Every structure is written in C-alpha cells, then in structure tokens.
Amino acid sequence: MTTENPNSWAAEAIRQVEGDGRHLTPTPLRPLSLSAIPDVEIYVKDESAHPTGSMKYRLVRAMFCEAIARGAIRADTPVIAATSGAVAIAAAHLMIPVPDAASIAALRWLRTAAGIEAGPATGTNFWGTCHLVARMREAGARGSIVTIIGDTADPYRNTHLDPAWMAARGLDPTPYEAEIERFARTGEWPAG
C-alpha cells in the first residue's frame, strides 16, 4: 500500500499526461482542391499526425486528465481501454449512409489523387464530405468544409488496401472510385 499523498500523485500524473502532448505541433490543415467545385473549399485536418496515428490521441489524453482530476483514476486504479476503432464510421453512418466499398474507394482516391495516406475512417469522412459538398453546390451555397484525416493507412495495408482481402469479402470499390473521380472532374454526385 502506498503512503503517497493522493493529491500529489494526481498532480504528477496529470503533469505527465499533459506533458506528453506539449511537444506536439498543431496538426496540419491542408486544402484539398476539387476544381469542378470552386465555390466550396475543402480542408483536411491531419489528426493522423499524432504519435498514435489516430484522432483519438487528444481525446484519450483529455479523458485521462479529467478522470485523474476528479479522482476516478488513482495510483492503484487499473485502467483497461477498450475501443472498436469505428467511432468516426458509426457517426458518419448515422447521417450519411456509406457502403464499406465506398469508404475504401474514398481512401484509395485520397491516396492516388491527393497523396493522402489514410485509413477507412478517413475514407468514410471523405465520402460524406463529397456528399455535403454536392448538397451545398445544389443549393448554390458557397463556403468551406473541414474534414479529418482520422487514421493512417499503415494498419490497413493488409486489409482495406489489399485487393485480395477486399475480394475475399466481396468488396468492390471500383464503381465508387468512378463516382468520386466523376465528382472531382464534373461536380456531379450520385443522387440519394
């Protein structure tokens, strides 16, 4: 059993968790040009630049600091973190239906057309972004949209970026890639 003052432990733990992020520079915000749609600017916020390659890095740091500060985590508290890794996909799916093959098509398009190495959550975000840009264009609206690069491509090289893996699961991103390419070229987005 420890005799350390719990407040001293908490202060030091928060200092260490917060300190882990102090060396980080802000994640880049990069323009993504779709020449067919000049009235709507698209920017991608590259949260995959974090040490973990995930947008969840800031969130988890904040959750730990808050839990330590309110006493939910103490020096003797075991911490088990469980995640499905699909928070962004689930959130986007509630608003705009995104087929799995469309997420893959979008991450592949980002890779080849924009040089952005991203995973399927980012593909889902980009598919939804295209949908929103198309809605803005149809309404005659001008403006900007910021989307997030929430995951890197590295963990998906043997899955979502592997043609054999996709074929084994019946995923064909080709028609969706054609839709994104047509959208980038003409501004026309599929109805629905």
C-alpha atoms as a PDB file:
ATOM      1  CA  MET A   1       0.000   0.000   0.000  1.00  0.00           C
ATOM      2  CA  THR A   2       1.294   3.409  -0.901  1.00  0.00           C
ATOM      3  CA  THR A   3       1.635   6.226   1.600  1.00  0.00           C
ATOM      4  CA  GLU A   4       1.952   8.859  -1.121  1.00  0.00           C
ATOM      5  CA  ASN A   5      -0.467  11.751  -0.893  1.00  0.00           C
ATOM      6  CA  PRO A   6      -3.224  11.118  -3.494  1.00  0.00           C
ATOM      7  CA  ASN A   7      -3.262  14.796  -4.459  1.00  0.00           C
ATOM      8  CA  SER A   8       0.486  14.742  -5.113  1.00  0.00           C
ATOM      9  CA  TRP A   9       0.103  11.602  -7.228  1.00  0.00           C
ATOM     10  CA  ALA A  10      -2.777  13.131  -9.196  1.00  0.00           C
ATOM     11  CA  ALA A  11      -0.896  16.363  -9.837  1.00  0.00           C
ATOM     12  CA  GLU A  12       2.147  14.447 -11.078  1.00  0.00           C
ATOM     13  CA  ALA A  13       0.032  12.075 -13.209  1.00  0.00           C
ATOM     14  CA  ILE A  14      -1.788  14.987 -14.860  1.00  0.00           C
ATOM     15  CA  ARG A  15       1.531  16.754 -15.430  1.00  0.00           C
ATOM     16  CA  GLN A  16       2.899  13.657 -17.177  1.00  0.00           C
ATOM     17  CA  VAL A  17      -0.195  13.095 -19.341  1.00  0.00           C
ATOM     18  CA  GLU A  18      -0.405  16.757 -20.324  1.00  0.00           C
ATOM     19  CA  GLY A  19       3.354  16.897 -20.823  1.00  0.00           C
ATOM     20  CA  ASP A  20       3.155  14.066 -23.316  1.00  0.00           C
ATOM     21  CA  GLY A  21       1.284  16.393 -25.646  1.00  0.00           C
ATOM     22  CA  ARG A  22       3.248  19.595 -25.110  1.00  0.00           C
ATOM     23  CA  HIS A  23       5.902  18.708 -27.669  1.00  0.00           C
ATOM     24  CA  LEU A  24       3.277  18.242 -30.354  1.00  0.00           C
ATOM     25  CA  THR A  25       2.858  20.858 -33.002  1.00  0.00           C
ATOM     26  CA  PRO A  26      -0.659  21.583 -34.184  1.00  0.00           C
ATOM     27  CA  THR A  27      -1.868  19.049 -36.700  1.00  0.00           C
ATOM     28  CA  PRO A  28      -1.744  20.376 -40.246  1.00  0.00           C
ATOM     29  CA  LEU A  29      -4.772  21.786 -42.034  1.00  0.00           C
ATOM     30  CA  ARG A  30      -4.361  21.238 -45.753  1.00  0.00           C
ATOM     31  CA  PRO A  31      -6.522  22.378 -48.667  1.00  0.00           C
ATOM     32  CA  LEU A  32      -7.982  19.684 -50.912  1.00  0.00           C
ATOM     33  CA  SER A  33      -8.889  21.119 -54.272  1.00  0.00           C
ATOM     34  CA  LEU A  34     -11.790  19.875 -56.365  1.00  0.00           C
ATOM     35  CA  SER A  35     -11.513  22.087 -59.433  1.00  0.00           C
ATOM     36  CA  ALA A  36     -15.077  21.296 -60.554  1.00  0.00           C
ATOM     37  CA  ILE A  37     -16.429  22.919 -57.376  1.00  0.00           C
ATOM     38  CA  PRO A  38     -14.629  26.231 -56.854  1.00  0.00           C
ATOM     39  CA  ASP A  39     -17.327  27.710 -54.591  1.00  0.00           C
ATOM     40  CA  VAL A  40     -16.774  25.181 -51.805  1.00  0.00           C
ATOM     41  CA  GLU A  41     -13.361  24.869 -50.211  1.00  0.00           C
ATOM     42  CA  ILE A  42     -12.381  21.572 -48.627  1.00  0.00           C
ATOM     43  CA  TYR A  43      -9.727  21.322 -45.954  1.00  0.00           C
ATOM     44  CA  VAL A  44      -8.393  18.189 -44.294  1.00  0.00           C
ATOM     45  CA  LYS A  45      -7.181  18.340 -40.705  1.00  0.00           C
ATOM     46  CA  ASP A  46      -4.475  15.719 -40.388  1.00  0.00           C
ATOM     47  CA  GLU A  47      -5.082  14.233 -36.957  1.00  0.00           C
ATOM     48  CA  SER A  48      -3.166  11.123 -38.060  1.00  0.00           C
ATOM     49  CA  ALA A  49      -0.001  13.171 -37.425  1.00  0.00           C
ATOM     50  CA  HIS A  50      -0.314  12.350 -33.712  1.00  0.00           C
ATOM     51  CA  PRO A  51       2.148   9.829 -32.248  1.00  0.00           C
ATOM     52  CA  THR A  52      -0.518   7.119 -32.288  1.00  0.00           C
ATOM     53  CA  GLY A  53      -1.621   7.905 -35.859  1.00  0.00           C
ATOM     54  CA  SER A  54      -5.159   8.451 -34.600  1.00  0.00           C
ATOM     55  CA  MET A  55      -7.511  11.335 -33.985  1.00  0.00           C
ATOM     56  CA  LYS A  56      -8.343   9.709 -30.650  1.00  0.00           C
ATOM     57  CA  TYR A  57      -4.993  10.758 -29.164  1.00  0.00           C
ATOM     58  CA  ARG A  58      -6.212  14.162 -27.927  1.00  0.00           C
ATOM     59  CA  LEU A  59      -9.500  12.709 -26.716  1.00  0.00           C
ATOM     60  CA  VAL A  60      -7.838   9.975 -24.669  1.00  0.00           C
ATOM     61  CA  ARG A  61      -5.344  12.424 -23.129  1.00  0.00           C
ATOM     62  CA  ALA A  62      -8.228  14.712 -22.114  1.00  0.00           C
ATOM     63  CA  MET A  63     -10.250  11.802 -20.697  1.00  0.00           C
ATOM     64  CA  PHE A  64      -7.308  10.616 -18.590  1.00  0.00           C
ATOM     65  CA  CYS A  65      -6.631  14.114 -17.227  1.00  0.00           C
ATOM     66  CA  GLU A  66     -10.294  14.616 -16.355  1.00  0.00           C
ATOM     67  CA  ALA A  67     -10.600  11.177 -14.702  1.00  0.00           C
ATOM     68  CA  ILE A  68      -7.445  11.728 -12.637  1.00  0.00           C
ATOM     69  CA  ALA A  69      -8.551  15.233 -11.604  1.00  0.00           C
ATOM     70  CA  ARG A  70     -11.927  14.044 -10.323  1.00  0.00           C
ATOM     71  CA  GLY A  71     -10.423  11.017  -8.553  1.00  0.00           C
ATOM     72  CA  ALA A  72     -11.844   8.288 -10.816  1.00  0.00           C
ATOM     73  CA  ILE A  73      -8.274   7.168 -11.541  1.00  0.00           C
ATOM     74  CA  ARG A  74      -5.932   6.888  -8.570  1.00  0.00           C
ATOM     75  CA  ALA A  75      -2.419   5.471  -8.206  1.00  0.00           C
ATOM     76  CA  ASP A  76      -3.813   1.975  -7.595  1.00  0.00           C
ATOM     77  CA  THR A  77      -6.556   2.027 -10.250  1.00  0.00           C
ATOM     78  CA  PRO A  78      -6.134  -0.470 -13.072  1.00  0.00           C
ATOM     79  CA  VAL A  79      -7.089   1.093 -16.407  1.00  0.00           C
ATOM     80  CA  ILE A  80      -8.409  -1.019 -19.255  1.00  0.00           C
ATOM     81  CA  ALA A  81      -9.130   0.787 -22.507  1.00  0.00           C
ATOM     82  CA  ALA A  82     -11.478  -0.872 -24.971  1.00  0.00           C
ATOM     83  CA  THR A  83     -12.370   0.575 -28.344  1.00  0.00           C
ATOM     84  CA  SER A  84     -13.896  -0.631 -31.540  1.00  0.00           C
ATOM     85  CA  GLY A  85     -11.912   1.844 -33.607  1.00  0.00           C
ATOM     86  CA  ALA A  86     -15.009   2.694 -35.624  1.00  0.00           C
ATOM     87  CA  VAL A  87     -16.354   5.772 -33.870  1.00  0.00           C
ATOM     88  CA  ALA A  88     -15.969   8.003 -36.921  1.00  0.00           C
ATOM     89  CA  ILE A  89     -17.529   5.398 -39.178  1.00  0.00           C
ATOM     90  CA  ALA A  90     -20.502   4.969 -36.849  1.00  0.00           C
ATOM     91  CA  ALA A  91     -21.069   8.709 -36.552  1.00  0.00           C
ATOM     92  CA  ALA A  92     -20.904   9.258 -40.295  1.00  0.00           C
ATOM     93  CA  HIS A  93     -23.205   6.317 -40.922  1.00  0.00           C
ATOM     94  CA  LEU A  94     -25.911   7.865 -38.754  1.00  0.00           C
ATOM     95  CA  MET A  95     -26.036  10.890 -41.037  1.00  0.00           C
ATOM     96  CA  ILE A  96     -24.997   9.714 -44.496  1.00  0.00           C
ATOM     97  CA  PRO A  97     -25.077   6.037 -45.458  1.00  0.00           C
ATOM     98  CA  VAL A  98     -21.602   4.982 -46.581  1.00  0.00           C
ATOM     99  CA  PRO A  99     -21.149   1.491 -48.024  1.00  0.00           C
ATOM    100  CA  ASP A 100     -17.927  -0.231 -46.933  1.00  0.00           C
ATOM    101  CA  ALA A 101     -16.685  -0.343 -50.529  1.00  0.00           C
ATOM    102  CA  ALA A 102     -17.297   3.431 -50.802  1.00  0.00           C
ATOM    103  CA  SER A 103     -15.090   4.047 -47.745  1.00  0.00           C
ATOM    104  CA  ILE A 104     -12.352   2.013 -49.386  1.00  0.00           C
ATOM    105  CA  ALA A 105     -12.828   3.817 -52.710  1.00  0.00           C
ATOM    106  CA  ALA A 106     -12.553   7.173 -50.943  1.00  0.00           C
ATOM    107  CA  LEU A 107      -9.362   6.276 -49.070  1.00  0.00           C
ATOM    108  CA  ARG A 108      -7.866   4.959 -52.325  1.00  0.00           C
ATOM    109  CA  TRP A 109      -8.863   8.145 -54.186  1.00  0.00           C
ATOM    110  CA  LEU A 110      -7.333  10.293 -51.459  1.00  0.00           C
ATOM    111  CA  ARG A 111      -4.137   8.273 -51.779  1.00  0.00           C
ATOM    112  CA  THR A 112      -3.812   8.414 -55.553  1.00  0.00           C
ATOM    113  CA  ALA A 113      -5.316  11.833 -56.325  1.00  0.00           C
ATOM    114  CA  ALA A 114      -4.324  13.850 -53.269  1.00  0.00           C
ATOM    115  CA  GLY A 115      -1.312  11.996 -51.852  1.00  0.00           C
ATOM    116  CA  ILE A 116      -3.071  11.456 -48.521  1.00  0.00           C
ATOM    117  CA  GLU A 117      -2.270   8.136 -46.833  1.00  0.00           C
ATOM    118  CA  ALA A 118      -5.413   7.413 -44.836  1.00  0.00           C
ATOM    119  CA  GLY A 119      -7.478   4.578 -43.426  1.00  0.00           C
ATOM    120  CA  PRO A 120     -11.143   3.625 -43.747  1.00  0.00           C
ATOM    121  CA  ALA A 121     -12.476   6.088 -41.142  1.00  0.00           C
ATOM    122  CA  THR A 122     -10.974   8.884 -43.212  1.00  0.00           C
ATOM    123  CA  GLY A 123     -12.419   7.315 -46.356  1.00  0.00           C
ATOM    124  CA  THR A 124     -15.843   7.404 -44.737  1.00  0.00           C
ATOM    125  CA  ASN A 125     -15.319  11.050 -43.755  1.00  0.00           C
ATOM    126  CA  PHE A 126     -14.294  11.956 -47.283  1.00  0.00           C
ATOM    127  CA  TRP A 127     -17.286  10.161 -48.859  1.00  0.00           C
ATOM    128  CA  GLY A 128     -19.550  12.128 -46.519  1.00  0.00           C
ATOM    129  CA  THR A 129     -17.675  15.321 -47.347  1.00  0.00           C
ATOM    130  CA  CYS A 130     -18.309  14.784 -51.066  1.00  0.00           C
ATOM    131  CA  HIS A 131     -21.992  14.288 -50.290  1.00  0.00           C
ATOM    132  CA  LEU A 132     -22.134  17.527 -48.281  1.00  0.00           C
ATOM    133  CA  VAL A 133     -20.208  19.489 -50.922  1.00  0.00           C
ATOM    134  CA  ALA A 134     -22.704  18.247 -53.531  1.00  0.00           C
ATOM    135  CA  ARG A 135     -25.615  19.416 -51.346  1.00  0.00           C
ATOM    136  CA  MET A 136     -24.006  22.828 -50.992  1.00  0.00           C
ATOM    137  CA  ARG A 137     -23.432  23.031 -54.739  1.00  0.00           C
ATOM    138  CA  GLU A 138     -27.051  22.070 -55.481  1.00  0.00           C
ATOM    139  CA  ALA A 139     -28.254  24.775 -53.092  1.00  0.00           C
ATOM    140  CA  GLY A 140     -25.959  27.360 -54.669  1.00  0.00           C
ATOM    141  CA  ALA A 141     -24.130  27.798 -51.375  1.00  0.00           C
ATOM    142  CA  ARG A 142     -20.537  28.901 -51.009  1.00  0.00           C
ATOM    143  CA  GLY A 143     -18.368  28.008 -48.054  1.00  0.00           C
ATOM    144  CA  SER A 144     -15.812  25.701 -46.550  1.00  0.00           C
ATOM    145  CA  ILE A 145     -15.844  22.206 -45.108  1.00  0.00           C
ATOM    146  CA  VAL A 146     -13.179  20.811 -42.811  1.00  0.00           C
ATOM    147  CA  THR A 147     -12.888  17.055 -42.563  1.00  0.00           C
ATOM    148  CA  ILE A 148     -10.478  14.943 -40.573  1.00  0.00           C
ATOM    149  CA  ILE A 149      -7.771  12.520 -41.516  1.00  0.00           C
ATOM    150  CA  GLY A 150      -8.541  10.389 -38.507  1.00  0.00           C
ATOM    151  CA  ASP A 151      -6.415   7.346 -39.249  1.00  0.00           C
ATOM    152  CA  THR A 152      -3.300   6.461 -41.206  1.00  0.00           C
ATOM    153  CA  ALA A 153      -3.071   3.870 -43.966  1.00  0.00           C
ATOM    154  CA  ASP A 154      -0.365   1.789 -42.279  1.00  0.00           C
ATOM    155  CA  PRO A 155      -2.608  -0.512 -40.201  1.00  0.00           C
ATOM    156  CA  TYR A 156      -4.728  -1.269 -43.283  1.00  0.00           C
ATOM    157  CA  ARG A 157      -2.065  -2.282 -45.819  1.00  0.00           C
ATOM    158  CA  ASN A 158      -3.003  -5.963 -45.412  1.00  0.00           C
ATOM    159  CA  THR A 159      -6.743  -5.329 -45.266  1.00  0.00           C
ATOM    160  CA  HIS A 160      -8.513  -2.339 -46.819  1.00  0.00           C
ATOM    161  CA  LEU A 161      -5.613  -1.594 -49.184  1.00  0.00           C
ATOM    162  CA  ASP A 162      -5.130  -5.228 -50.227  1.00  0.00           C
ATOM    163  CA  PRO A 163      -7.114  -6.266 -53.344  1.00  0.00           C
ATOM    164  CA  ALA A 164      -7.174  -9.947 -52.253  1.00  0.00           C
ATOM    165  CA  TRP A 165      -8.582  -9.047 -48.833  1.00  0.00           C
ATOM    166  CA  MET A 166     -11.298  -6.902 -50.426  1.00  0.00           C
ATOM    167  CA  ALA A 167     -12.192  -9.587 -52.992  1.00  0.00           C
ATOM    168  CA  ALA A 168     -12.478 -12.222 -50.257  1.00  0.00           C
ATOM    169  CA  ARG A 169     -15.100 -10.018 -48.592  1.00  0.00           C
ATOM    170  CA  GLY A 170     -16.966  -9.178 -51.754  1.00  0.00           C
ATOM    171  CA  LEU A 171     -15.934  -5.524 -51.628  1.00  0.00           C
ATOM    172  CA  ASP A 172     -15.559  -3.823 -54.996  1.00  0.00           C
ATOM    173  CA  PRO A 173     -14.597  -0.162 -54.634  1.00  0.00           C
ATOM    174  CA  THR A 174     -14.289   0.354 -58.416  1.00  0.00           C
ATOM    175  CA  PRO A 175     -17.775   1.810 -59.067  1.00  0.00           C
ATOM    176  CA  TYR A 176     -17.443   4.130 -56.085  1.00  0.00           C
ATOM    177  CA  GLU A 177     -13.997   5.267 -57.220  1.00  0.00           C
ATOM    178  CA  ALA A 178     -15.556   6.172 -60.582  1.00  0.00           C
ATOM    179  CA  GLU A 179     -18.218   8.218 -58.756  1.00  0.00           C
ATOM    180  CA  ILE A 180     -15.582  10.135 -56.786  1.00  0.00           C
ATOM    181  CA  GLU A 181     -13.497  10.711 -59.895  1.00  0.00           C
ATOM    182  CA  ARG A 182     -16.534  11.969 -61.816  1.00  0.00           C
ATOM    183  CA  PHE A 183     -17.417  14.234 -58.875  1.00  0.00           C
ATOM    184  CA  ALA A 184     -13.894  15.676 -58.756  1.00  0.00           C
ATOM    185  CA  ARG A 185     -13.966  16.241 -62.527  1.00  0.00           C
ATOM    186  CA  THR A 186     -17.551  17.463 -63.056  1.00  0.00           C
ATOM    187  CA  GLY A 187     -19.099  18.239 -59.673  1.00  0.00           C
ATOM    188  CA  GLU A 188     -21.833  15.658 -60.295  1.00  0.00           C
ATOM    189  CA  TRP A 189     -22.612  13.439 -57.308  1.00  0.00           C
ATOM    190  CA  PRO A 190     -24.886  10.376 -57.421  1.00  0.00           C
ATOM    191  CA  ALA A 191     -28.457  11.005 -56.299  1.00  0.00           C
ATOM    192  CA  GLY A 192     -29.503   9.630 -52.938  1.00  0.00           C
END
